[in-house]
Amino acid sequence: MAIEESTVSFWSLSPAQLAAQIASVANGDTPASDEATRAEASLLAAEWQQARDLPNATFEDQETRVAQLDSLQKRIIEVLIGAGPRP
C-alpha cells in the first residue's frame, strides 16, 4: 500500500493500516523516501509490532503499553508525513 496524497489523515488510521503504511515506507514503496527514512521506518515497524504483542498482565503493563504505542504512533506519523509525496 503506497502512501496516498498528503490529505490522508494518518491520525484516523487503524493500527493495522498504520502498520501497513510504515511497512510500505520501510520496503521502499514510496519514491520520496531515502535510505535513512526506510531504515527508521523498518525499526519503527518492528517496535510497533513488538509493542502490540506485549501481554497485558497488570494494569501497569497496560499503561506502559498504551504510552509506548502512543509514542510510536506519533513518530510513525512524523515519518509518514516526511515520506509523503513532494510537490
Protein backbone atom coordinates (compact mmCIF):
# COMPACT_ATOMS: atom_id res chain seq x y z
CA MET A 1 0.00 0.00 0.00
CA ALA A 2 1.69 3.18 -1.11
CA ILE A 3 1.22 6.40 0.75
CA GLU A 4 -1.59 8.28 -0.84
CA GLU A 5 -1.83 12.01 -1.32
CA SER A 6 -0.90 14.28 1.55
CA THR A 7 -4.53 14.85 2.50
CA VAL A 8 -4.57 11.43 4.19
CA SER A 9 -5.37 11.81 7.88
CA PHE A 10 -2.86 9.46 9.43
CA TRP A 11 -4.45 10.04 12.86
CA SER A 12 -7.63 8.32 11.68
CA LEU A 13 -5.88 5.13 10.53
CA SER A 14 -6.44 1.89 12.41
CA PRO A 15 -3.39 0.21 13.98
CA ALA A 16 -3.33 -2.29 11.09
CA GLN A 17 -3.49 0.49 8.48
CA LEU A 18 -0.75 2.44 10.25
CA ALA A 19 1.43 -0.69 10.34
CA ALA A 20 0.83 -1.24 6.62
CA GLN A 21 1.75 2.36 5.81
CA ILE A 22 5.03 2.30 7.76
CA ALA A 23 5.88 -1.12 6.28
CA SER A 24 5.34 0.39 2.84
CA VAL A 25 7.92 3.09 3.60
CA ALA A 26 10.30 0.50 5.10
CA ASN A 27 10.04 -1.58 1.93
CA GLY A 28 10.87 1.39 -0.28
CA ASP A 29 7.43 1.54 -1.88
CA THR A 30 7.42 5.34 -1.64
CA PRO A 31 9.67 7.11 -4.13
CA ALA A 32 10.25 10.12 -1.87
CA SER A 33 11.82 8.09 0.95
CA ASP A 34 15.58 7.89 1.25
CA GLU A 35 17.68 5.12 2.82
CA ALA A 36 17.70 6.73 6.28
CA THR A 37 13.93 7.11 6.24
CA ARG A 38 13.49 3.49 5.13
CA ALA A 39 15.81 2.30 7.91
CA GLU A 40 13.93 4.31 10.53
CA ALA A 41 10.59 3.07 9.16
CA SER A 42 11.83 -0.52 9.40
CA LEU A 43 12.86 -0.02 13.03
CA LEU A 44 9.53 1.66 13.87
CA ALA A 45 7.56 -1.13 12.19
CA ALA A 46 9.39 -3.72 14.29
CA GLU A 47 8.93 -1.72 17.50
CA TRP A 48 5.24 -1.20 16.70
CA GLN A 49 4.66 -4.93 16.24
CA GLN A 50 6.62 -5.77 19.36
CA ALA A 51 4.63 -3.26 21.45
CA ARG A 52 1.33 -4.58 20.10
CA ASP A 53 2.35 -8.14 21.02
CA LEU A 54 3.14 -7.35 24.67
CA PRO A 55 0.92 -9.14 27.18
CA ASN A 56 -1.36 -7.11 29.45
CA ALA A 57 -0.55 -8.90 32.69
CA THR A 58 -1.25 -5.98 35.03
CA PHE A 59 -2.76 -2.54 34.91
CA GLU A 60 0.75 -1.05 34.98
CA ASP A 61 1.69 -3.22 31.99
CA GLN A 62 -1.33 -1.91 30.13
CA GLU A 63 -0.42 1.69 30.96
CA THR A 64 3.15 1.13 29.77
CA ARG A 65 1.93 -0.45 26.54
CA VAL A 66 -0.51 2.38 25.81
CA ALA A 67 2.19 5.00 26.44
CA GLN A 68 4.64 3.14 24.21
CA LEU A 69 2.09 2.76 21.40
CA ASP A 70 1.13 6.44 21.63
CA SER A 71 4.76 7.48 21.35
CA LEU A 72 5.38 5.12 18.43
CA GLN A 73 2.21 6.28 16.68
CA LYS A 74 3.36 9.90 16.83
CA ARG A 75 6.81 9.05 15.46
CA ILE A 76 5.39 6.80 12.74
CA ILE A 77 3.08 9.59 11.59
CA GLU A 78 6.01 12.03 11.52
CA VAL A 79 7.92 9.60 9.29
CA LEU A 80 4.87 9.01 7.06
CA ILE A 81 4.34 12.74 6.59
CA GLY A 82 8.02 13.20 5.78
CA ALA A 83 7.96 10.30 3.31
CA GLY A 84 4.84 11.50 1.56
CA PRO A 85 4.68 12.89 -1.94
CA ARG A 86 6.71 16.02 -2.55
CA PRO A 87 5.35 18.91 -4.63
